[in-house]
Protein backbone atom coordinates (compact mmCIF):
# COMPACT_ATOMS: atom_id res chain seq x y z
CA MET A 1 5.46 58.29 -39.07
CA THR A 2 4.16 55.73 -41.52
CA GLU A 3 7.40 53.73 -41.49
CA GLU A 4 7.45 53.78 -37.61
CA TRP A 5 3.77 52.74 -37.54
CA ASN A 6 4.23 49.86 -39.98
CA ASN A 7 4.83 46.49 -38.20
CA SER A 8 4.32 48.22 -34.87
CA VAL A 9 2.03 47.31 -31.81
CA GLY A 10 -0.40 49.98 -32.97
CA GLU A 11 -0.68 48.45 -36.51
CA ARG A 12 -1.31 45.01 -35.08
CA LEU A 13 -3.95 46.30 -32.65
CA LEU A 14 -5.69 48.05 -35.41
CA GLN A 15 -5.64 45.06 -37.73
CA LEU A 16 -6.82 42.69 -34.97
CA ARG A 17 -9.62 44.98 -33.97
CA ASN A 18 -10.84 45.31 -37.55
CA LYS A 19 -10.59 41.56 -37.98
CA LYS A 20 -12.78 41.12 -34.85
CA GLY A 21 -15.33 43.64 -36.32
CA MET A 22 -15.12 45.95 -33.38
CA THR A 23 -15.17 49.74 -33.31
CA GLN A 24 -12.83 51.75 -31.07
CA GLU A 25 -15.90 52.58 -28.93
CA ASP A 26 -16.74 48.87 -28.59
CA LEU A 27 -13.19 48.02 -27.57
CA ALA A 28 -12.92 50.94 -25.15
CA GLU A 29 -16.12 49.76 -23.50
CA TYR A 30 -14.91 46.25 -23.30
CA LEU A 31 -11.53 47.24 -21.70
CA ASN A 32 -13.15 49.97 -19.57
CA VAL A 33 -10.97 52.66 -20.96
CA SER A 34 -11.63 55.84 -23.07
CA ARG A 35 -11.87 55.78 -26.88
CA GLN A 36 -8.98 58.23 -26.90
CA SER A 37 -6.78 55.58 -25.18
CA VAL A 38 -7.61 53.06 -27.82
CA SER A 39 -6.89 55.63 -30.54
CA LYS A 40 -3.46 56.41 -29.01
CA TRP A 41 -2.63 52.82 -28.82
CA GLU A 42 -3.50 52.12 -32.56
CA LEU A 43 -1.49 55.29 -33.54
CA ASN A 44 1.40 53.81 -31.64
CA LYS A 45 1.54 56.93 -29.33
CA THR A 46 1.22 54.98 -26.20
CA LEU A 47 1.14 51.35 -25.28
CA PRO A 48 -1.44 49.45 -23.20
CA ASP A 49 -0.34 48.26 -19.78
CA VAL A 50 0.39 44.67 -19.16
CA GLU A 51 -3.13 43.85 -17.78
CA LYS A 52 -4.80 45.41 -20.93
CA LEU A 53 -2.32 43.52 -23.16
CA MET A 54 -3.35 40.19 -21.56
CA LEU A 55 -7.06 41.21 -22.07
CA LEU A 56 -6.38 41.95 -25.62
CA SER A 57 -4.52 38.69 -26.08
CA ASP A 58 -7.37 36.73 -24.92
CA LEU A 59 -9.89 38.74 -26.87
CA TYR A 60 -8.02 38.54 -30.11
CA GLU A 61 -6.79 34.87 -29.43
CA VAL A 62 -3.13 35.71 -30.10
CA THR A 63 -0.05 35.47 -27.94
CA LEU A 64 1.54 38.30 -26.12
CA ASP A 65 4.65 37.80 -28.09
CA TYR A 66 2.60 38.38 -31.29
CA LEU A 67 1.09 41.66 -29.83
CA VAL A 68 4.41 43.11 -28.55
CA LYS A 69 6.94 41.72 -31.02
CA GLY A 70 4.89 40.56 -33.88
CA VAL A 71 6.37 37.03 -33.51
CA GLU A 72 4.03 34.01 -34.07
CA GLU A 73 4.87 30.38 -32.97
CA THR A 74 6.49 28.55 -35.85
CA GLU A 75 5.71 25.06 -36.82
CA GLU A 76 9.14 24.09 -35.61
CA GLU A 77 8.17 25.28 -32.09
CA ASP A 78 4.92 23.57 -32.46
CA SER A 79 6.68 20.28 -33.27
CA GLU A 80 9.11 20.81 -30.30
CA VAL A 81 6.02 21.25 -28.03
CA SER A 82 4.29 18.29 -29.57
CA GLY A 83 7.40 16.22 -29.08
CA ASP A 84 7.71 17.28 -25.47
CA GLU A 85 4.07 16.30 -24.97
CA MET A 86 4.66 12.93 -26.65
CA ASN A 87 7.78 12.29 -24.41
CA ALA A 88 5.74 13.23 -21.30
CA GLN A 89 2.98 10.89 -22.34
CA THR A 90 5.40 8.13 -23.08
CA GLU A 91 6.99 8.69 -19.67
CA SER A 92 3.59 8.58 -17.96
CA ASP A 93 2.62 5.40 -19.92
CA THR A 94 5.85 3.77 -18.74
CA GLU A 95 5.45 4.73 -15.15
CA ALA A 96 3.02 1.90 -14.28
CA PRO A 97 5.13 -0.97 -15.68
CA VAL A 98 8.20 0.49 -13.95
CA GLU A 99 6.37 0.52 -10.58
CA GLU A 100 5.16 -2.93 -11.12
CA ASP A 101 8.56 -4.13 -11.91
CA ALA A 102 10.23 -2.14 -9.10
CA LEU A 103 11.05 -5.19 -7.12
CA THR A 104 12.51 -6.99 -10.10
CA SER A 105 14.65 -3.92 -10.98
CA ALA A 106 15.87 -3.63 -7.47
CA LEU A 107 16.84 -7.30 -7.24
CA SER A 108 18.62 -7.21 -10.55
CA MET A 109 20.88 -4.37 -9.34
CA LYS A 110 21.99 -6.23 -6.24
CA SER A 111 25.27 -8.15 -6.07
CA PRO A 112 25.43 -11.86 -5.63
CA PHE A 113 26.56 -11.40 -2.00
CA GLU A 114 23.65 -9.09 -1.28
CA LEU A 115 21.21 -11.56 -2.83
CA THR A 116 22.85 -14.37 -0.80
CA VAL A 117 22.38 -12.31 2.46
CA HIS A 118 18.72 -11.65 1.65
CA ARG A 119 18.21 -15.39 0.99
CA ILE A 120 19.68 -16.22 4.40
CA VAL A 121 17.34 -13.63 6.11
CA PHE A 122 14.36 -15.11 4.19
CA LEU A 123 15.37 -18.61 5.03
CA ILE A 124 15.72 -17.82 8.81
CA ALA A 125 12.45 -15.95 8.85
CA MET A 126 10.88 -18.97 7.02
CA LEU A 127 12.28 -21.44 9.50
CA VAL A 128 11.12 -19.43 12.54
CA SER A 129 7.54 -18.96 11.10
CA GLY A 130 7.56 -22.70 10.17
CA VAL A 131 8.40 -23.78 13.64
CA LEU A 132 5.74 -21.41 15.06
CA PHE A 133 3.25 -22.77 12.48
CA VAL A 134 3.97 -26.41 13.46
CA GLY A 135 3.93 -25.63 17.24
CA SER A 136 0.70 -23.62 17.10
CA LEU A 137 -0.91 -26.41 14.95
CA LEU A 138 0.00 -29.11 17.44
CA PHE A 139 -1.17 -26.99 20.37
CA SER A 140 -4.51 -26.36 18.49
CA VAL A 141 -4.98 -29.98 17.85
CA ARG A 142 -4.09 -30.96 21.39
CA LEU A 143 -6.40 -28.16 22.69
CA MET A 144 -9.32 -29.29 20.57
CA SER A 145 -8.75 -33.01 21.60
CA ASN A 146 -9.20 -32.00 25.22
CA HIS A 147 -12.15 -29.65 24.60
CA ILE A 148 -15.69 -30.94 25.19
CA PHE A 149 -18.32 -29.49 22.86
CA SER A 150 -21.25 -31.20 24.63
CA VAL A 151 -21.52 -32.56 28.20
CA GLU A 152 -24.39 -34.83 27.21
CA GLY A 153 -23.56 -38.38 28.20
CA LYS A 154 -20.31 -37.37 30.02
CA GLN A 155 -19.40 -37.95 33.63
CA GLN A 156 -17.94 -35.11 35.80
CA ASP A 157 -15.28 -35.32 38.38
CA ILE A 158 -12.53 -33.13 39.86
CA VAL A 159 -8.75 -33.37 39.53
CA TYR A 160 -5.99 -32.23 41.82
CA VAL A 161 -3.64 -29.55 40.38
CA ASP A 162 0.01 -30.53 41.24
CA GLN A 163 1.87 -27.82 39.48
CA VAL A 164 1.01 -24.94 37.16
CA TYR A 165 3.72 -24.02 34.68
CA GLU A 166 2.04 -20.98 33.24
CA GLN A 167 -1.30 -19.46 34.18
CA TYR A 168 -4.01 -20.84 31.77
CA THR A 169 -1.58 -23.19 30.04
CA LEU A 170 0.13 -26.35 30.81
CA ALA A 171 -0.33 -28.08 34.37
CA ASP A 172 0.28 -31.37 36.11
CA VAL A 173 -2.82 -32.93 37.44
CA GLN A 174 -3.76 -36.22 39.27
CA ILE A 175 -6.73 -38.26 38.10
CA LEU A 176 -8.06 -41.78 38.74
CA ASP A 177 -7.77 -44.25 35.98
CA GLU A 178 -10.22 -47.16 35.29
CA ASN A 179 -8.38 -49.18 38.13
CA GLN A 180 -8.89 -46.37 40.62
CA ASN A 181 -5.14 -45.67 40.61
CA PHE A 182 -3.89 -42.05 40.56
CA ILE A 183 -2.01 -41.14 37.51
CA HIS A 184 -0.30 -37.95 36.51
CA LYS A 185 -1.14 -36.05 33.23
CA LYS A 186 -0.18 -32.81 31.71
CA VAL A 187 -3.20 -30.90 30.50
CA TRP A 188 -3.94 -27.46 29.19
CA LEU A 189 -5.98 -25.35 31.65
CA ASP A 190 -8.22 -22.40 30.95
CA VAL A 191 -9.50 -21.65 34.55
CA ASN A 192 -9.40 -18.23 35.99
CA GLY A 193 -7.14 -17.94 39.11
CA VAL A 194 -6.13 -21.69 39.21
CA ARG A 195 -3.25 -22.38 41.65
CA GLU A 196 -1.24 -25.39 42.76
CA GLY A 197 -3.24 -27.47 45.13
CA ASP A 198 -6.59 -26.55 43.71
CA TYR A 199 -9.28 -28.89 42.52
CA ILE A 200 -10.85 -28.31 39.10
CA GLY A 201 -13.70 -30.07 37.41
CA TYR A 202 -13.34 -32.11 34.26
CA TYR A 203 -15.43 -34.34 32.03
CA TYR A 204 -14.85 -37.94 30.96
CA ASP A 205 -16.40 -40.91 29.28
CA GLU A 206 -17.43 -43.59 31.65
CA ASP A 207 -15.37 -46.31 29.94
CA GLU A 208 -12.39 -43.93 29.59
CA MET A 209 -11.89 -42.27 32.80
CA SER A 210 -8.25 -41.26 32.02
CA ASP A 211 -9.42 -39.38 28.98
CA VAL A 212 -9.71 -35.75 30.48
CA HIS A 213 -11.92 -33.09 28.77
CA PHE A 214 -12.37 -29.43 29.70
CA MET A 215 -14.79 -26.78 28.60
CA TYR A 216 -12.42 -24.02 27.22
CA TYR A 217 -13.31 -20.42 26.53
CA ALA A 218 -13.99 -19.52 22.84
CA LYS A 219 -11.03 -17.19 22.69
CA THR A 220 -8.74 -19.95 23.94
CA LEU A 221 -9.78 -22.12 20.93
CA ILE A 222 -9.77 -19.37 18.33
CA VAL A 223 -6.51 -17.56 19.07
CA PRO A 224 -4.29 -20.48 18.38
CA PHE A 225 -6.01 -21.04 15.00
CA ILE A 226 -5.42 -17.42 14.11
CA VAL A 227 -1.74 -17.88 14.86
CA VAL A 228 -1.65 -21.00 12.76
CA ILE A 229 -3.10 -19.12 9.72
CA LEU A 230 -0.87 -16.06 10.15
CA SER A 231 2.32 -18.14 10.57
CA LEU A 232 1.40 -20.13 7.55
CA ILE A 233 0.86 -17.12 5.40
CA PHE A 234 4.22 -15.67 6.59
CA THR A 235 5.99 -18.91 5.97
CA ILE A 236 4.60 -18.92 2.32
CA VAL A 237 5.72 -15.23 1.88
CA CYS A 238 9.17 -16.03 3.11
CA TRP A 239 9.38 -19.09 0.83
CA MET A 240 8.48 -16.99 -2.18
CA GLY A 241 11.05 -14.30 -1.25
CA PHE A 242 13.69 -17.00 -0.70
CA ARG A 243 13.00 -18.47 -4.24
CA SER A 244 12.80 -15.11 -5.83
CA TYR A 245 16.19 -13.97 -4.55
CA GLY A 246 17.60 -17.29 -5.57
CA GLY A 247 16.36 -16.96 -9.11
CA LYS A 248 17.89 -13.43 -9.27
CA LYS A 249 21.16 -14.68 -7.89
CA LYS A 250 21.41 -17.27 -10.74
CA GLU A 251 20.55 -14.65 -13.30
CA ARG A 252 23.30 -12.32 -11.96
CA ILE A 253 25.88 -15.10 -11.91
CA GLY A 254 24.83 -16.16 -15.41
CA VAL A 255 25.21 -12.51 -16.67
CA LYS A 256 28.72 -12.24 -15.18
């Protein structure tokens, strides 16, 4: 009996209870079992169920392996765990730089042909956005030159609309010049419901009758400038992408 009891679950339970300074009654009350059950465990006649083993493991601050098998974690296992933790920490520390250099890594893996294709795409997008930028800028400048901020000191007259190309946009109008001759001009209109054959009001300086000015809506003035800003930003982004892919292409060619 003694040989069977030595190095058994019962012996370890007895030793741990004594080390904790608890009586069988104290332990029985803690686990909500009878004192006879605790006694049978320590005599190795019966074994605690899994739930009680887990409670005992927490109480005695030991592992389940130690309670059941008498096996404690070795320093080697501890070092393996520490090594795993260190590796996990290293991986987590390197995640941020990897994410930051994701674009660079992706570019370095592409072939020269793929880099060339991407450069062409960026070049086309840059040209399109550049044309949009220049067009919208010229339109904005033209629109602002025809806009009147104050009617003070200005003369008012009406013009005849010959043709409307697009509603609220470009139209042919007839006006009188300084010599009272009719001349045709293309102007930007911002008049609700204007049609060909209509007469619309405009403002001019007394000494420059051919210089036509209109009072545009605020949104008509603001929207073109928003397009100018957005197209400029997009052009810059495309230029940066074009140069970035060009640099990576040179690196790839140099490596090969």
